[in-house]
C-alpha atoms as a PDB file:
ATOM      1  CA  MET A   1       5.000 -36.180  45.500  1.00  0.00           C
ATOM      2  CA  THR A   2       5.608 -32.594  44.308  1.00  0.00           C
ATOM      3  CA  GLU A   3       8.879 -32.050  42.443  1.00  0.00           C
ATOM      4  CA  VAL A   4      10.835 -29.286  43.800  1.00  0.00           C
ATOM      5  CA  PRO A   5      12.894 -27.067  41.483  1.00  0.00           C
ATOM      6  CA  ASP A   6      16.378 -26.030  42.281  1.00  0.00           C
ATOM      7  CA  VAL A   7      15.858 -22.971  44.474  1.00  0.00           C
ATOM      8  CA  THR A   8      19.606 -21.948  44.386  1.00  0.00           C
ATOM      9  CA  ALA A   9      19.419 -21.855  40.674  1.00  0.00           C
ATOM     10  CA  ILE A  10      16.109 -19.815  40.732  1.00  0.00           C
ATOM     11  CA  LEU A  11      17.632 -17.296  43.082  1.00  0.00           C
ATOM     12  CA  ALA A  12      20.853 -17.001  41.109  1.00  0.00           C
ATOM     13  CA  ARG A  13      18.910 -16.547  37.883  1.00  0.00           C
ATOM     14  CA  ALA A  14      16.896 -13.692  39.499  1.00  0.00           C
ATOM     15  CA  GLY A  15      20.113 -12.022  40.878  1.00  0.00           C
ATOM     16  CA  PHE A  16      19.204 -12.461  44.563  1.00  0.00           C
ATOM     17  CA  ASP A  17      21.851 -11.055  46.916  1.00  0.00           C
ATOM     18  CA  PRO A  18      20.990 -11.074  50.565  1.00  0.00           C
ATOM     19  CA  SER A  19      23.292  -8.328  51.424  1.00  0.00           C
ATOM     20  CA  GLU A  20      21.335  -5.983  48.946  1.00  0.00           C
ATOM     21  CA  SER A  21      17.897  -7.124  49.907  1.00  0.00           C
ATOM     22  CA  VAL A  22      15.259  -6.727  52.529  1.00  0.00           C
ATOM     23  CA  LEU A  23      14.765 -10.379  52.482  1.00  0.00           C
ATOM     24  CA  THR A  24      16.767 -13.071  54.099  1.00  0.00           C
ATOM     25  CA  ARG A  25      17.933 -15.969  52.069  1.00  0.00           C
ATOM     26  CA  ARG A  26      15.423 -18.247  53.566  1.00  0.00           C
ATOM     27  CA  GLN A  27      12.530 -15.810  52.859  1.00  0.00           C
ATOM     28  CA  ALA A  28      13.680 -15.519  49.276  1.00  0.00           C
ATOM     29  CA  GLU A  29      13.799 -19.392  48.994  1.00  0.00           C
ATOM     30  CA  VAL A  30      10.382 -19.765  50.350  1.00  0.00           C
ATOM     31  CA  LEU A  31       8.869 -17.034  48.135  1.00  0.00           C
ATOM     32  CA  ALA A  32      10.694 -18.456  45.121  1.00  0.00           C
ATOM     33  CA  LEU A  33       9.078 -21.991  45.613  1.00  0.00           C
ATOM     34  CA  ARG A  34       5.690 -20.599  46.554  1.00  0.00           C
ATOM     35  CA  GLU A  35       5.579 -18.410  43.400  1.00  0.00           C
ATOM     36  CA  ARG A  36       6.228 -21.818  41.458  1.00  0.00           C
ATOM     37  CA  GLY A  37       3.036 -23.201  43.155  1.00  0.00           C
ATOM     38  CA  LEU A  38       4.610 -25.409  45.642  1.00  0.00           C
ATOM     39  CA  PRO A  39       2.545 -26.059  48.854  1.00  0.00           C
ATOM     40  CA  GLN A  40       4.061 -25.104  52.249  1.00  0.00           C
ATOM     41  CA  ALA A  41       4.380 -28.657  53.320  1.00  0.00           C
ATOM     42  CA  ALA A  42       6.403 -29.551  50.157  1.00  0.00           C
ATOM     43  CA  ILE A  43       8.689 -26.510  50.869  1.00  0.00           C
ATOM     44  CA  ALA A  44       8.878 -27.539  54.471  1.00  0.00           C
ATOM     45  CA  ASP A  45      10.173 -31.081  53.617  1.00  0.00           C
ATOM     46  CA  GLU A  46      12.631 -29.557  51.122  1.00  0.00           C
ATOM     47  CA  LEU A  47      14.049 -27.115  53.663  1.00  0.00           C
ATOM     48  CA  GLY A  48      14.008 -29.463  56.623  1.00  0.00           C
ATOM     49  CA  THR A  49      11.572 -27.502  58.699  1.00  0.00           C
ATOM     50  CA  SER A  50       7.840 -27.378  59.650  1.00  0.00           C
ATOM     51  CA  ARG A  51       5.024 -26.175  57.607  1.00  0.00           C
ATOM     52  CA  ALA A  52       4.237 -23.605  60.266  1.00  0.00           C
ATOM     53  CA  ASN A  53       7.676 -22.241  60.073  1.00  0.00           C
ATOM     54  CA  VAL A  54       7.361 -21.920  56.218  1.00  0.00           C
ATOM     55  CA  SER A  55       4.163 -20.036  56.750  1.00  0.00           C
ATOM     56  CA  LYS A  56       5.907 -17.751  59.260  1.00  0.00           C
ATOM     57  CA  VAL A  57       8.815 -17.179  57.013  1.00  0.00           C
ATOM     58  CA  GLU A  58       6.387 -16.458  53.970  1.00  0.00           C
ATOM     59  CA  THR A  59       4.387 -13.913  55.984  1.00  0.00           C
ATOM     60  CA  SER A  60       7.463 -12.053  57.254  1.00  0.00           C
ATOM     61  CA  ALA A  61       8.804 -12.052  53.534  1.00  0.00           C
ATOM     62  CA  ARG A  62       5.517 -10.630  52.224  1.00  0.00           C
ATOM     63  CA  ASP A  63       5.524  -7.967  54.998  1.00  0.00           C
ATOM     64  CA  ASN A  64       9.153  -7.021  54.292  1.00  0.00           C
ATOM     65  CA  ILE A  65       8.281  -6.610  50.586  1.00  0.00           C
ATOM     66  CA  GLU A  66       5.219  -4.472  51.517  1.00  0.00           C
ATOM     67  CA  LYS A  67       7.355  -2.363  53.726  1.00  0.00           C
ATOM     68  CA  ALA A  68      10.015  -1.904  50.794  1.00  0.00           C
ATOM     69  CA  ARG A  69       7.273  -0.856  48.449  1.00  0.00           C
ATOM     70  CA  GLU A  70       5.926   1.605  50.931  1.00  0.00           C
ATOM     71  CA  THR A  71       9.461   2.950  51.403  1.00  0.00           C
ATOM     72  CA  VAL A  72      10.034   3.433  47.550  1.00  0.00           C
ATOM     73  CA  ALA A  73       6.775   5.116  47.241  1.00  0.00           C
ATOM     74  CA  PHE A  74       7.572   7.516  50.119  1.00  0.00           C
ATOM     75  CA  ALA A  75      11.138   8.208  48.607  1.00  0.00           C
ATOM     76  CA  GLU A  76       9.461   8.836  45.108  1.00  0.00           C
ATOM     77  CA  THR A  77       7.095  11.179  46.511  1.00  0.00           C
ATOM     78  CA  LEU A  78       9.821  13.209  48.294  1.00  0.00           C
ATOM     79  CA  GLN A  79      11.761  13.412  45.042  1.00  0.00           C
ATOM     80  CA  ALA A  80       8.854  14.072  42.692  1.00  0.00           C
ATOM     81  CA  PRO A  81       9.117  17.337  40.822  1.00  0.00           C
ATOM     82  CA  VAL A  82       5.342  17.805  41.075  1.00  0.00           C
ATOM     83  CA  GLN A  83       3.894  17.897  44.569  1.00  0.00           C
ATOM     84  CA  ILE A  84       0.132  18.711  44.930  1.00  0.00           C
ATOM     85  CA  ASP A  85      -1.322  19.357  48.304  1.00  0.00           C
ATOM     86  CA  VAL A  86      -4.969  18.251  48.343  1.00  0.00           C
ATOM     87  CA  ASP A  87      -6.637  19.852  51.358  1.00  0.00           C
ATOM     88  CA  PRO A  88      -9.657  18.394  53.319  1.00  0.00           C
ATOM     89  CA  GLY A  89     -13.006  19.397  52.030  1.00  0.00           C
ATOM     90  CA  THR A  90     -11.650  19.231  48.322  1.00  0.00           C
ATOM     91  CA  ASP A  91     -14.069  17.476  45.882  1.00  0.00           C
ATOM     92  CA  LEU A  92     -12.374  14.314  44.446  1.00  0.00           C
ATOM     93  CA  TYR A  93     -13.600  15.663  41.022  1.00  0.00           C
ATOM     94  CA  GLU A  94     -11.219  18.752  41.443  1.00  0.00           C
ATOM     95  CA  VAL A  95      -8.094  16.626  41.933  1.00  0.00           C
ATOM     96  CA  PRO A  96      -7.462  15.877  38.376  1.00  0.00           C
ATOM     97  CA  ASP A  97      -7.309  19.632  37.410  1.00  0.00           C
ATOM     98  CA  LEU A  98      -5.019  20.193  40.367  1.00  0.00           C
ATOM     99  CA  VAL A  99      -2.655  17.459  39.092  1.00  0.00           C
ATOM    100  CA  TYR A 100      -2.827  18.636  35.601  1.00  0.00           C
ATOM    101  CA  ASP A 101      -2.067  22.204  36.402  1.00  0.00           C
ATOM    102  CA  GLY A 102       0.742  21.346  38.625  1.00  0.00           C
ATOM    103  CA  CYS A 103       2.243  18.950  35.943  1.00  0.00           C
ATOM    104  CA  ASP A 104       1.746  21.608  33.316  1.00  0.00           C
ATOM    105  CA  ASP A 105       3.740  24.005  35.407  1.00  0.00           C
ATOM    106  CA  ALA A 106       6.607  21.497  35.892  1.00  0.00           C
ATOM    107  CA  GLY A 107       6.577  20.399  32.246  1.00  0.00           C
ATOM    108  CA  VAL A 108       5.651  16.758  33.269  1.00  0.00           C
ATOM    109  CA  LYS A 109       3.311  14.728  31.248  1.00  0.00           C
ATOM    110  CA  VAL A 110       0.467  12.784  33.039  1.00  0.00           C
ATOM    111  CA  PRO A 111      -0.485   9.561  31.386  1.00  0.00           C
ATOM    112  CA  TYR A 112      -3.738   9.271  32.981  1.00  0.00           C
ATOM    113  CA  SER A 113      -7.298  10.434  32.101  1.00  0.00           C
ATOM    114  CA  ALA A 114      -9.276  12.357  34.844  1.00  0.00           C
ATOM    115  CA  PRO A 115     -11.328   9.217  35.850  1.00  0.00           C
ATOM    116  CA  GLU A 116      -8.010   7.351  36.171  1.00  0.00           C
ATOM    117  CA  VAL A 117      -6.459  10.059  38.392  1.00  0.00           C
ATOM    118  CA  MET A 118      -9.566  10.038  40.689  1.00  0.00           C
ATOM    119  CA  LYS A 119      -9.465   6.288  40.801  1.00  0.00           C
ATOM    120  CA  LEU A 120      -5.723   6.124  41.728  1.00  0.00           C
ATOM    121  CA  VAL A 121      -5.982   8.895  44.324  1.00  0.00           C
ATOM    122  CA  SER A 122      -9.237   7.459  45.824  1.00  0.00           C
ATOM    123  CA  GLU A 123      -7.674   3.940  46.023  1.00  0.00           C
ATOM    124  CA  ALA A 124      -4.393   4.976  47.413  1.00  0.00           C
ATOM    125  CA  ALA A 125      -5.751   7.372  49.923  1.00  0.00           C
ATOM    126  CA  GLY A 126      -8.415   4.874  51.407  1.00  0.00           C
ATOM    127  CA  ASP A 127     -10.407   6.292  54.273  1.00  0.00           C
ATOM    128  CA  ALA A 128      -8.932   9.742  53.675  1.00  0.00           C
ATOM    129  CA  ILE A 129     -11.722   9.971  51.087  1.00  0.00           C
ATOM    130  CA  ALA A 130     -15.363   9.540  51.784  1.00  0.00           C
ATOM    131  CA  GLY A 131     -17.709   9.522  48.700  1.00  0.00           C
ATOM    132  CA  ARG A 132     -16.300  12.407  46.716  1.00  0.00           C
ATOM    133  CA  GLU A 133     -14.946  14.453  49.697  1.00  0.00           C
ATOM    134  CA  VAL A 134     -11.189  14.455  50.759  1.00  0.00           C
ATOM    135  CA  LYS A 135     -11.251  14.017  54.580  1.00  0.00           C
ATOM    136  CA  GLN A 136      -7.494  14.247  55.320  1.00  0.00           C
ATOM    137  CA  HIS A 137      -4.635  16.201  53.677  1.00  0.00           C
ATOM    138  CA  ILE A 138      -3.204  14.239  50.788  1.00  0.00           C
ATOM    139  CA  LEU A 139      -0.052  14.794  48.755  1.00  0.00           C
ATOM    140  CA  VAL A 140       0.127  13.742  45.241  1.00  0.00           C
ATOM    141  CA  GLY A 141       3.479  13.359  43.755  1.00  0.00           C
ATOM    142  CA  VAL A 142       4.110  12.950  40.189  1.00  0.00           C
ATOM    143  CA  THR A 143       7.534  11.824  39.063  1.00  0.00           C
ATOM    144  CA  SER A 144       9.262  13.091  35.949  1.00  0.00           C
ATOM    145  CA  ASP A 145       7.983   9.803  34.087  1.00  0.00           C
ATOM    146  CA  GLY A 146       4.376  10.507  35.105  1.00  0.00           C
ATOM    147  CA  THR A 147       4.142   8.148  37.842  1.00  0.00           C
ATOM    148  CA  MET A 148       1.630   9.209  40.596  1.00  0.00           C
ATOM    149  CA  ARG A 149       2.376   8.609  44.179  1.00  0.00           C
ATOM    150  CA  VAL A 150      -0.323   9.424  46.879  1.00  0.00           C
ATOM    151  CA  ARG A 151       0.449  10.023  50.509  1.00  0.00           C
ATOM    152  CA  VAL A 152      -2.073  10.628  53.179  1.00  0.00           C
ATOM    153  CA  GLN A 153      -0.850  12.888  55.992  1.00  0.00           C
ATOM    154  CA  PRO A 154      -1.547  11.277  59.428  1.00  0.00           C
ATOM    155  CA  GLU A 155      -4.350  13.010  61.332  1.00  0.00           C
ATOM    156  CA  ASP A 156      -3.000  15.159  64.409  1.00  0.00           C
END
């Protein structure tokens, strides 16, 4: 039988407050136990529910976390002192110079090499870039600490 750690102690140690979180207490409990390697069946036994319910709660929790990350990235981009518009038709190899020029103008240091900038933009933009060509408008925000946030403008 799998030994189940004290989930209340885990949440308290991590400072979980359901009134300040996008997660419910149950979602936090499930994630805390899953992150410690417990199978869903053991969590279900501990929480007095079904494995299917644990699976549903875990999926909802991970979805909520992804939405929270997306919201933070959006907010950081809006607040970024450097905002670079990359138009469709731009060669991906031109993007680092656009970013560096914008950051130089704002006095923001970019901690990425040109290949790293291209990789970050390409990965974040997904289908908005095909090969080396930017297919959709992209906004690259760079925060004052040099963090890059990439937003793809939805197609009309």
